[in-house]
């Protein structure tokens, strides 16, 4: 599975399309890169018989959950399960009077 992760990351290298590109993808693409690496690892784990979904159904249905074996379908499956940071907007609050302790 480590080899699958390394190969998936290597396939995302900017050097493949730009001779002046970096070795590793830009950190701004981390969610997409992580999804590709995770998908490769999941598919390799399934191939080795080390991963399966047991007795899980889709919420509100009797449909069994299964791991897609097609890369693109599995990629979408992985992305649907990924945590995405969502933060509330911040605003500056200024004190009108200094606090006294």
PDB file of N, CA and C in Angstrom:
ATOM      1  N   UNK A   1       0.818  -1.183   0.000  1.00  0.00           N
ATOM      2  CA  UNK A   1       0.000   0.000   0.000  1.00  0.00           C
ATOM      3  C   UNK A   1       0.867   1.253   0.000  1.00  0.00           C
ATOM      4  N   UNK A   2       2.035   1.154   0.611  1.00  0.00           N
ATOM      5  CA  UNK A   2       2.946   2.300   0.587  1.00  0.00           C
ATOM      6  C   UNK A   2       3.374   2.585  -0.846  1.00  0.00           C
ATOM      7  N   UNK A   3       3.647   1.529  -1.592  1.00  0.00           N
ATOM      8  CA  UNK A   3       4.041   1.714  -2.994  1.00  0.00           C
ATOM      9  C   UNK A   3       2.915   2.371  -3.789  1.00  0.00           C
ATOM     10  N   UNK A   4       1.677   2.000  -3.507  1.00  0.00           N
ATOM     11  CA  UNK A   4       0.534   2.605  -4.197  1.00  0.00           C
ATOM     12  C   UNK A   4       0.441   4.091  -3.864  1.00  0.00           C
ATOM     13  N   UNK A   5       0.684   4.438  -2.609  1.00  0.00           N
ATOM     14  CA  UNK A   5       0.646   5.846  -2.196  1.00  0.00           C
ATOM     15  C   UNK A   5       1.761   6.638  -2.870  1.00  0.00           C
ATOM     16  N   UNK A   6       2.951   6.066  -2.892  1.00  0.00           N
ATOM     17  CA  UNK A   6       4.096   6.742  -3.514  1.00  0.00           C
ATOM     18  C   UNK A   6       3.853   6.939  -5.009  1.00  0.00           C
ATOM     19  N   UNK A   7       3.349   5.909  -5.659  1.00  0.00           N
ATOM     20  CA  UNK A   7       3.079   6.011  -7.095  1.00  0.00           C
ATOM     21  C   UNK A   7       2.000   7.054  -7.384  1.00  0.00           C
ATOM     22  N   UNK A   8       0.960   7.083  -6.562  1.00  0.00           N
ATOM     23  CA  UNK A   8      -0.115   8.067  -6.754  1.00  0.00           C
ATOM     24  C   UNK A   8       0.418   9.487  -6.581  1.00  0.00           C
ATOM     25  N   UNK A   9       1.269   9.690  -5.592  1.00  0.00           N
ATOM     26  CA  UNK A   9       1.857  11.015  -5.383  1.00  0.00           C
ATOM     27  C   UNK A   9       2.796  11.375  -6.528  1.00  0.00           C
ATOM     28  N   UNK A  10       3.597  10.421  -6.961  1.00  0.00           N
ATOM     29  CA  UNK A  10       4.521  10.668  -8.076  1.00  0.00           C
ATOM     30  C   UNK A  10       3.763  11.036  -9.350  1.00  0.00           C
ATOM     31  N   UNK A  11       2.605  10.430  -9.556  1.00  0.00           N
ATOM     32  CA  UNK A  11       1.801  10.732 -10.744  1.00  0.00           C
ATOM     33  C   UNK A  11       1.236  12.146 -10.727  1.00  0.00           C
ATOM     34  N   UNK A  12       1.257  12.793  -9.576  1.00  0.00           N
ATOM     35  CA  UNK A  12       0.755  14.166  -9.455  1.00  0.00           C
ATOM     36  C   UNK A  12       1.880  15.203  -9.528  1.00  0.00           C
ATOM     37  N   UNK A  13       3.101  14.752  -9.763  1.00  0.00           N
ATOM     38  CA  UNK A  13       4.247  15.659  -9.788  1.00  0.00           C
ATOM     39  C   UNK A  13       4.136  16.670 -10.925  1.00  0.00           C
ATOM     40  N   UNK A  14       4.332  17.950 -10.628  1.00  0.00           N
ATOM     41  CA  UNK A  14       4.323  18.975 -11.678  1.00  0.00           C
ATOM     42  C   UNK A  14       5.403  18.746 -12.739  1.00  0.00           C
ATOM     43  N   UNK A  15       6.463  18.031 -12.394  1.00  0.00           N
ATOM     44  CA  UNK A  15       7.532  17.757 -13.362  1.00  0.00           C
ATOM     45  C   UNK A  15       7.047  16.941 -14.558  1.00  0.00           C
ATOM     46  N   UNK A  16       5.962  16.221 -14.397  1.00  0.00           N
ATOM     47  CA  UNK A  16       5.444  15.405 -15.499  1.00  0.00           C
ATOM     48  C   UNK A  16       4.911  16.259 -16.647  1.00  0.00           C
ATOM     49  N   UNK A  17       4.466  17.459 -16.331  1.00  0.00           N
ATOM     50  CA  UNK A  17       3.912  18.322 -17.377  1.00  0.00           C
ATOM     51  C   UNK A  17       4.717  19.598 -17.601  1.00  0.00           C
ATOM     52  N   UNK A  18       5.640  19.897 -16.686  1.00  0.00           N
ATOM     53  CA  UNK A  18       6.434  21.123 -16.796  1.00  0.00           C
ATOM     54  C   UNK A  18       7.865  20.826 -16.353  1.00  0.00           C
ATOM     55  N   UNK A  19       8.830  20.901 -17.281  1.00  0.00           N
ATOM     56  CA  UNK A  19      10.212  20.583 -16.912  1.00  0.00           C
ATOM     57  C   UNK A  19      10.789  21.510 -15.838  1.00  0.00           C
ATOM     58  N   UNK A  20      10.162  22.657 -15.644  1.00  0.00           N
ATOM     59  CA  UNK A  20      10.612  23.590 -14.608  1.00  0.00           C
ATOM     60  C   UNK A  20       9.756  23.500 -13.349  1.00  0.00           C
ATOM     61  N   UNK A  21       8.818  22.571 -13.339  1.00  0.00           N
ATOM     62  CA  UNK A  21       7.925  22.433 -12.192  1.00  0.00           C
ATOM     63  C   UNK A  21       8.629  21.794 -11.009  1.00  0.00           C
ATOM     64  N   UNK A  22       7.977  21.853  -9.883  1.00  0.00           N
ATOM     65  CA  UNK A  22       8.530  21.259  -8.674  1.00  0.00           C
ATOM     66  C   UNK A  22       8.360  19.747  -8.672  1.00  0.00           C
ATOM     67  N   UNK A  23       9.054  19.115  -7.768  1.00  0.00           N
ATOM     68  CA  UNK A  23       8.956  17.665  -7.638  1.00  0.00           C
ATOM     69  C   UNK A  23       7.605  17.263  -7.053  1.00  0.00           C
ATOM     70  N   UNK A  24       7.170  18.011  -6.055  1.00  0.00           N
ATOM     71  CA  UNK A  24       5.904  17.707  -5.389  1.00  0.00           C
ATOM     72  C   UNK A  24       4.841  18.733  -5.767  1.00  0.00           C
ATOM     73  N   UNK A  25       3.585  18.337  -5.725  1.00  0.00           N
ATOM     74  CA  UNK A  25       2.494  19.267  -6.025  1.00  0.00           C
ATOM     75  C   UNK A  25       2.439  20.402  -5.003  1.00  0.00           C
ATOM     76  N   UNK A  26       1.836  21.491  -5.405  1.00  0.00           N
ATOM     77  CA  UNK A  26       1.684  22.645  -4.526  1.00  0.00           C
ATOM     78  C   UNK A  26       0.747  22.301  -3.371  1.00  0.00           C
ATOM     79  N   UNK A  27       1.035  22.841  -2.219  1.00  0.00           N
ATOM     80  CA  UNK A  27       0.232  22.556  -1.026  1.00  0.00           C
ATOM     81  C   UNK A  27      -1.210  23.052  -1.183  1.00  0.00           C
ATOM     82  N   UNK A  28      -1.435  24.004  -2.067  1.00  0.00           N
ATOM     83  CA  UNK A  28      -2.805  24.485  -2.278  1.00  0.00           C
ATOM     84  C   UNK A  28      -3.694  23.409  -2.890  1.00  0.00           C
ATOM     85  N   UNK A  29      -3.089  22.376  -3.453  1.00  0.00           N
ATOM     86  CA  UNK A  29      -3.840  21.272  -4.060  1.00  0.00           C
ATOM     87  C   UNK A  29      -3.942  20.062  -3.131  1.00  0.00           C
ATOM     88  N   UNK A  30      -3.703  20.272  -1.851  1.00  0.00           N
ATOM     89  CA  UNK A  30      -3.567  19.138  -0.930  1.00  0.00           C
ATOM     90  C   UNK A  30      -4.819  18.267  -0.838  1.00  0.00           C
ATOM     91  N   UNK A  31      -5.994  18.861  -0.905  1.00  0.00           N
ATOM     92  CA  UNK A  31      -7.214  18.047  -0.803  1.00  0.00           C
ATOM     93  C   UNK A  31      -7.343  17.110  -2.008  1.00  0.00           C
ATOM     94  N   UNK A  32      -7.088  17.631  -3.193  1.00  0.00           N
ATOM     95  CA  UNK A  32      -7.191  16.815  -4.408  1.00  0.00           C
ATOM     96  C   UNK A  32      -6.097  15.744  -4.436  1.00  0.00           C
ATOM     97  N   UNK A  33      -4.887  16.132  -4.084  1.00  0.00           N
ATOM     98  CA  UNK A  33      -3.769  15.181  -4.064  1.00  0.00           C
ATOM     99  C   UNK A  33      -4.036  14.096  -3.022  1.00  0.00           C
ATOM    100  N   UNK A  34      -4.487  14.499  -1.853  1.00  0.00           N
ATOM    101  CA  UNK A  34      -4.788  13.534  -0.789  1.00  0.00           C
ATOM    102  C   UNK A  34      -5.861  12.545  -1.224  1.00  0.00           C
ATOM    103  N   UNK A  35      -6.857  13.031  -1.941  1.00  0.00           N
ATOM    104  CA  UNK A  35      -7.926  12.149  -2.422  1.00  0.00           C
ATOM    105  C   UNK A  35      -7.374  11.115  -3.400  1.00  0.00           C
ATOM    106  N   UNK A  36      -6.474  11.541  -4.284  1.00  0.00           N
ATOM    107  CA  UNK A  36      -5.877  10.600  -5.239  1.00  0.00           C
ATOM    108  C   UNK A  36      -5.017   9.554  -4.521  1.00  0.00           C
ATOM    109  N   UNK A  37      -4.235   9.999  -3.560  1.00  0.00           N
ATOM    110  CA  UNK A  37      -3.383   9.068  -2.812  1.00  0.00           C
ATOM    111  C   UNK A  37      -4.249   8.099  -2.005  1.00  0.00           C
ATOM    112  N   UNK A  38      -5.260   8.621  -1.332  1.00  0.00           N
ATOM    113  CA  UNK A  38      -6.146   7.766  -0.538  1.00  0.00           C
ATOM    114  C   UNK A  38      -6.855   6.739  -1.422  1.00  0.00           C
ATOM    115  N   UNK A  39      -7.283   7.166  -2.592  1.00  0.00           N
ATOM    116  CA  UNK A  39      -7.964   6.251  -3.512  1.00  0.00           C
ATOM    117  C   UNK A  39      -7.037   5.115  -3.928  1.00  0.00           C
ATOM    118  N   UNK A  40      -5.806   5.458  -4.252  1.00  0.00           N
ATOM    119  CA  UNK A  40      -4.839   4.425  -4.640  1.00  0.00           C
ATOM    120  C   UNK A  40      -4.606   3.437  -3.501  1.00  0.00           C
ATOM    121  N   UNK A  41      -4.525   3.941  -2.284  1.00  0.00           N
ATOM    122  CA  UNK A  41      -4.304   3.073  -1.122  1.00  0.00           C
ATOM    123  C   UNK A  41      -5.526   2.191  -0.869  1.00  0.00           C
ATOM    124  N   UNK A  42      -6.717   2.764  -0.958  1.00  0.00           N
ATOM    125  CA  UNK A  42      -7.943   1.979  -0.761  1.00  0.00           C
ATOM    126  C   UNK A  42      -8.023   0.853  -1.787  1.00  0.00           C
ATOM    127  N   UNK A  43      -7.799   1.188  -3.046  1.00  0.00           N
ATOM    128  CA  UNK A  43      -7.890   0.164  -4.097  1.00  0.00           C
ATOM    129  C   UNK A  43      -6.841  -0.930  -3.916  1.00  0.00           C
ATOM    130  N   UNK A  44      -5.651  -0.556  -3.479  1.00  0.00           N
ATOM    131  CA  UNK A  44      -4.613  -1.568  -3.230  1.00  0.00           C
ATOM    132  C   UNK A  44      -4.991  -2.438  -2.034  1.00  0.00           C
ATOM    133  N   UNK A  45      -5.561  -1.835  -1.008  1.00  0.00           N
ATOM    134  CA  UNK A  45      -5.990  -2.605   0.165  1.00  0.00           C
ATOM    135  C   UNK A  45      -7.094  -3.594  -0.212  1.00  0.00           C
ATOM    136  N   UNK A  46      -8.016  -3.161  -1.055  1.00  0.00           N
ATOM    137  CA  UNK A  46      -9.077  -4.062  -1.526  1.00  0.00           C
ATOM    138  C   UNK A  46      -8.464  -5.194  -2.342  1.00  0.00           C
ATOM    139  N   UNK A  47      -7.541  -4.844  -3.220  1.00  0.00           N
ATOM    140  CA  UNK A  47      -6.876  -5.844  -4.072  1.00  0.00           C
ATOM    141  C   UNK A  47      -6.160  -6.898  -3.227  1.00  0.00           C
ATOM    142  N   UNK A  48      -5.557  -6.457  -2.125  1.00  0.00           N
ATOM    143  CA  UNK A  48      -4.837  -7.380  -1.247  1.00  0.00           C
ATOM    144  C   UNK A  48      -5.768  -8.094  -0.256  1.00  0.00           C
ATOM    145  N   UNK A  49      -7.046  -7.765  -0.308  1.00  0.00           N
ATOM    146  CA  UNK A  49      -8.002  -8.397   0.598  1.00  0.00           C
ATOM    147  C   UNK A  49      -7.945  -7.862   2.015  1.00  0.00           C
ATOM    148  N   UNK A  50      -7.433  -6.650   2.169  1.00  0.00           N
ATOM    149  CA  UNK A  50      -7.269  -6.072   3.497  1.00  0.00           C
ATOM    150  C   UNK A  50      -8.328  -5.034   3.847  1.00  0.00           C
ATOM    151  N   UNK A  51      -9.213  -4.731   2.911  1.00  0.00           N
ATOM    152  CA  UNK A  51     -10.246  -3.723   3.171  1.00  0.00           C
ATOM    153  C   UNK A  51     -11.574  -4.185   2.598  1.00  0.00           C
ATOM    154  N   UNK A  52     -12.598  -4.019   3.401  1.00  0.00           N
ATOM    155  CA  UNK A  52     -13.947  -4.302   2.951  1.00  0.00           C
ATOM    156  C   UNK A  52     -14.919  -3.567   3.864  1.00  0.00           C
ATOM    157  N   UNK A  53     -16.112  -3.371   3.391  1.00  0.00           N
ATOM    158  CA  UNK A  53     -17.150  -2.738   4.189  1.00  0.00           C
ATOM    159  C   UNK A  53     -18.092  -3.843   4.640  1.00  0.00           C
ATOM    160  N   UNK A  54     -18.277  -3.962   5.941  1.00  0.00           N
ATOM    161  CA  UNK A  54     -19.117  -5.026   6.483  1.00  0.00           C
ATOM    162  C   UNK A  54     -20.428  -4.476   7.030  1.00  0.00           C
ATOM    163  N   UNK A  55     -21.525  -5.041   6.593  1.00  0.00           N
ATOM    164  CA  UNK A  55     -22.844  -4.768   7.164  1.00  0.00           C
ATOM    165  C   UNK A  55     -23.155  -3.286   7.337  1.00  0.00           C
ATOM    166  N   UNK A  56     -22.796  -2.489   6.366  1.00  0.00           N
ATOM    167  CA  UNK A  56     -23.105  -1.063   6.439  1.00  0.00           C
ATOM    168  C   UNK A  56     -24.082  -0.726   5.323  1.00  0.00           C
ATOM    169  N   UNK A  57     -25.105   0.034   5.677  1.00  0.00           N
ATOM    170  CA  UNK A  57     -26.084   0.453   4.672  1.00  0.00           C
ATOM    171  C   UNK A  57     -26.069   1.966   4.550  1.00  0.00           C
ATOM    172  N   UNK A  58     -26.532   2.429   3.399  1.00  0.00           N
ATOM    173  CA  UNK A  58     -26.642   3.872   3.194  1.00  0.00           C
ATOM    174  C   UNK A  58     -27.757   4.395   4.089  1.00  0.00           C
ATOM    175  N   UNK A  59     -27.537   5.537   4.724  1.00  0.00           N
ATOM    176  CA  UNK A  59     -28.548   6.080   5.636  1.00  0.00           C
ATOM    177  C   UNK A  59     -29.918   6.206   4.960  1.00  0.00           C
ATOM    178  N   UNK A  60     -30.934   5.731   5.645  1.00  0.00           N
ATOM    179  CA  UNK A  60     -32.300   5.838   5.153  1.00  0.00           C
ATOM    180  C   UNK A  60     -32.679   4.820   4.093  1.00  0.00           C
ATOM    181  N   UNK A  61     -31.780   3.868   3.803  1.00  0.00           N
ATOM    182  CA  UNK A  61     -32.079   2.852   2.785  1.00  0.00           C
ATOM    183  C   UNK A  61     -31.611   1.492   3.286  1.00  0.00           C
ATOM    184  N   UNK A  62     -31.910   0.484   2.494  1.00  0.00           N
ATOM    185  CA  UNK A  62     -31.388  -0.857   2.771  1.00  0.00           C
ATOM    186  C   UNK A  62     -30.221  -1.191   1.844  1.00  0.00           C
ATOM    187  N   UNK A  63     -29.760  -0.188   1.068  1.00  0.00           N
ATOM    188  CA  UNK A  63     -28.657  -0.398   0.124  1.00  0.00           C
ATOM    189  C   UNK A  63     -27.353  -0.624   0.877  1.00  0.00           C
ATOM    190  N   UNK A  64     -26.678  -1.703   0.533  1.00  0.00           N
ATOM    191  CA  UNK A  64     -25.386  -2.009   1.152  1.00  0.00           C
ATOM    192  C   UNK A  64     -24.309  -1.071   0.605  1.00  0.00           C
ATOM    193  N   UNK A  65     -23.419  -0.651   1.470  1.00  0.00           N
ATOM    194  CA  UNK A  65     -22.281   0.166   1.064  1.00  0.00           C
ATOM    195  C   UNK A  65     -21.189  -0.768   0.569  1.00  0.00           C
ATOM    196  N   UNK A  66     -20.580  -0.407  -0.547  1.00  0.00           N
ATOM    197  CA  UNK A  66     -19.451  -1.185  -1.052  1.00  0.00           C
ATOM    198  C   UNK A  66     -18.389  -0.228  -1.571  1.00  0.00           C
ATOM    199  N   UNK A  67     -17.178  -0.714  -1.648  1.00  0.00           N
ATOM    200  CA  UNK A  67     -16.068   0.100  -2.136  1.00  0.00           C
ATOM    201  C   UNK A  67     -16.018  -0.026  -3.653  1.00  0.00           C
ATOM    202  N   UNK A  68     -16.146   1.090  -4.376  1.00  0.00           N
ATOM    203  CA  UNK A  68     -16.058   1.019  -5.837  1.00  0.00           C
ATOM    204  C   UNK A  68     -14.676   0.528  -6.273  1.00  0.00           C
ATOM    205  N   UNK A  69     -14.630  -0.267  -7.330  1.00  0.00           N
ATOM    206  CA  UNK A  69     -13.347  -0.789  -7.801  1.00  0.00           C
ATOM    207  C   UNK A  69     -12.782   0.008  -8.970  1.00  0.00           C
ATOM    208  N   UNK A  70     -13.598   0.832  -9.609  1.00  0.00           N
ATOM    209  CA  UNK A  70     -13.123   1.718 -10.667  1.00  0.00           C
ATOM    210  C   UNK A  70     -12.453   2.931 -10.006  1.00  0.00           C
ATOM    211  N   UNK A  71     -11.286   3.350 -10.521  1.00  0.00           N
ATOM    212  CA  UNK A  71     -10.541   4.432  -9.869  1.00  0.00           C
ATOM    213  C   UNK A  71     -11.375   5.701  -9.748  1.00  0.00           C
ATOM    214  N   UNK A  72     -11.994   6.137 -10.845  1.00  0.00           N
ATOM    215  CA  UNK A  72     -12.749   7.396 -10.804  1.00  0.00           C
ATOM    216  C   UNK A  72     -13.947   7.317  -9.858  1.00  0.00           C
ATOM    217  N   UNK A  73     -14.625   6.183  -9.852  1.00  0.00           N
ATOM    218  CA  UNK A  73     -15.754   6.012  -8.930  1.00  0.00           C
ATOM    219  C   UNK A  73     -15.269   5.970  -7.485  1.00  0.00           C
ATOM    220  N   UNK A  74     -14.152   5.291  -7.264  1.00  0.00           N
ATOM    221  CA  UNK A  74     -13.591   5.219  -5.917  1.00  0.00           C
ATOM    222  C   UNK A  74     -13.107   6.599  -5.467  1.00  0.00           C
ATOM    223  N   UNK A  75     -12.546   7.360  -6.389  1.00  0.00           N
ATOM    224  CA  UNK A  75     -12.099   8.720  -6.072  1.00  0.00           C
ATOM    225  C   UNK A  75     -13.280   9.558  -5.587  1.00  0.00           C
ATOM    226  N   UNK A  76     -14.401   9.474  -6.269  1.00  0.00           N
ATOM    227  CA  UNK A  76     -15.594  10.212  -5.838  1.00  0.00           C
ATOM    228  C   UNK A  76     -16.092   9.706  -4.485  1.00  0.00           C
ATOM    229  N   UNK A  77     -16.013   8.405  -4.270  1.00  0.00           N
ATOM    230  CA  UNK A  77     -16.418   7.796  -3.000  1.00  0.00           C
ATOM    231  C   UNK A  77     -15.532   8.311  -1.863  1.00  0.00           C
ATOM    232  N   UNK A  78     -14.223   8.363  -2.108  1.00  0.00           N
ATOM    233  CA  UNK A  78     -13.282   8.872  -1.106  1.00  0.00           C
ATOM    234  C   UNK A  78     -13.561  10.348  -0.827  1.00  0.00           C
ATOM    235  N   UNK A  79     -13.729  11.140  -1.880  1.00  0.00           N
ATOM    236  CA  UNK A  79     -13.977  12.579  -1.703  1.00  0.00           C
ATOM    237  C   UNK A  79     -15.247  12.836  -0.900  1.00  0.00           C
ATOM    238  N   UNK A  80     -16.257  12.002  -1.108  1.00  0.00           N
ATOM    239  CA  UNK A  80     -17.519  12.181  -0.386  1.00  0.00           C
ATOM    240  C   UNK A  80     -17.349  11.954   1.114  1.00  0.00           C
ATOM    241  N   UNK A  81     -16.303  11.235   1.495  1.00  0.00           N
ATOM    242  CA  UNK A  81     -16.083  10.922   2.908  1.00  0.00           C
ATOM    243  C   UNK A  81     -15.018  11.797   3.564  1.00  0.00           C
ATOM    244  N   UNK A  82     -14.381  12.645   2.782  1.00  0.00           N
ATOM    245  CA  UNK A  82     -13.300  13.467   3.326  1.00  0.00           C
ATOM    246  C   UNK A  82     -13.848  14.620   4.157  1.00  0.00           C
ATOM    247  N   UNK A  83     -13.136  14.932   5.212  1.00  0.00           N
ATOM    248  CA  UNK A  83     -13.470  16.086   6.038  1.00  0.00           C
ATOM    249  C   UNK A  83     -12.993  17.337   5.318  1.00  0.00           C
ATOM    250  N   UNK A  84     -13.822  18.348   5.328  1.00  0.00           N
ATOM    251  CA  UNK A  84     -13.453  19.624   4.732  1.00  0.00           C
ATOM    252  C   UNK A  84     -13.540  20.702   5.801  1.00  0.00           C
ATOM    253  N   UNK A  85     -12.464  21.434   5.978  1.00  0.00           N
ATOM    254  CA  UNK A  85     -12.509  22.487   6.998  1.00  0.00           C
ATOM    255  C   UNK A  85     -13.437  23.619   6.560  1.00  0.00           C
ATOM    256  N   UNK A  86     -14.364  23.947   7.407  1.00  0.00           N
ATOM    257  CA  UNK A  86     -15.251  25.074   7.148  1.00  0.00           C
ATOM    258  C   UNK A  86     -15.241  25.945   8.395  1.00  0.00           C
ATOM    259  N   UNK A  87     -14.722  27.132   8.241  1.00  0.00           N
ATOM    260  CA  UNK A  87     -14.576  28.028   9.371  1.00  0.00           C
ATOM    261  C   UNK A  87     -15.522  29.210   9.233  1.00  0.00           C
ATOM    262  N   UNK A  88     -15.986  29.686  10.354  1.00  0.00           N
ATOM    263  CA  UNK A  88     -16.807  30.889  10.345  1.00  0.00           C
ATOM    264  C   UNK A  88     -15.918  32.073   9.991  1.00  0.00           C
ATOM    265  N   UNK A  89     -16.486  33.055   9.308  1.00  0.00           N
ATOM    266  CA  UNK A  89     -15.682  34.239   9.009  1.00  0.00           C
ATOM    267  C   UNK A  89     -15.320  34.979  10.305  1.00  0.00           C
ATOM    268  N   UNK A  90     -14.142  35.532  10.326  1.00  0.00           N
ATOM    269  CA  UNK A  90     -13.697  36.297  11.486  1.00  0.00           C
ATOM    270  C   UNK A  90     -13.887  37.780  11.220  1.00  0.00           C
ATOM    271  N   UNK A  91     -14.137  38.502  12.271  1.00  0.00           N
ATOM    272  CA  UNK A  91     -14.194  39.949  12.132  1.00  0.00           C
ATOM    273  C   UNK A  91     -13.448  40.558  13.304  1.00  0.00           C
ATOM    274  N   UNK A  92     -12.811  41.663  13.048  1.00  0.00           N
ATOM    275  CA  UNK A  92     -12.031  42.341  14.062  1.00  0.00           C
ATOM    276  C   UNK A  92     -12.963  43.060  15.025  1.00  0.00           C
ATOM    277  N   UNK A  93     -12.761  42.824  16.296  1.00  0.00           N
ATOM    278  CA  UNK A  93     -13.534  43.508  17.329  1.00  0.00           C
ATOM    279  C   UNK A  93     -12.562  44.394  18.085  1.00  0.00           C
ATOM    280  N   UNK A  94     -12.844  45.672  18.060  1.00  0.00           N
ATOM    281  CA  UNK A  94     -11.967  46.610  18.758  1.00  0.00           C
ATOM    282  C   UNK A  94     -12.609  47.029  20.071  1.00  0.00           C
ATOM    283  N   UNK A  95     -11.787  47.112  21.088  1.00  0.00           N
ATOM    284  CA  UNK A  95     -12.286  47.565  22.379  1.00  0.00           C
ATOM    285  C   UNK A  95     -12.445  49.073  22.346  1.00  0.00           C
ATOM    286  N   UNK A  96     -13.567  49.549  22.876  1.00  0.00           N
ATOM    287  CA  UNK A  96     -13.800  50.993  22.908  1.00  0.00           C
ATOM    288  C   UNK A  96     -13.064  51.628  24.078  1.00  0.00           C
ATOM    289  N   UNK A  97     -13.041  50.926  25.194  1.00  0.00           N
ATOM    290  CA  UNK A  97     -12.333  51.426  26.368  1.00  0.00           C
ATOM    291  C   UNK A  97     -11.419  50.327  26.883  1.00  0.00           C
ATOM    292  N   UNK A  98     -10.235  50.698  27.317  1.00  0.00           N
ATOM    293  CA  UNK A  98      -9.336  49.671  27.863  1.00  0.00           C
ATOM    294  C   UNK A  98      -9.943  49.030  29.107  1.00  0.00           C
ATOM    295  N   UNK A  99      -9.714  47.771  29.250  1.00  0.00           N
ATOM    296  CA  UNK A  99     -10.197  47.048  30.429  1.00  0.00           C
ATOM    297  C   UNK A  99      -9.278  47.317  31.604  1.00  0.00           C
ATOM    298  N   UNK A 100      -9.873  47.370  32.755  1.00  0.00           N
ATOM    299  CA  UNK A 100      -9.067  47.483  33.971  1.00  0.00           C
ATOM    300  C   UNK A 100      -9.226  46.198  34.752  1.00  0.00           C
ATOM    301  N   UNK A 101      -8.146  45.778  35.326  1.00  0.00           N
ATOM    302  CA  UNK A 101      -8.168  44.510  36.053  1.00  0.00           C
ATOM    303  C   UNK A 101      -8.225  44.744  37.529  1.00  0.00           C
TER     304      UNK A 101
END
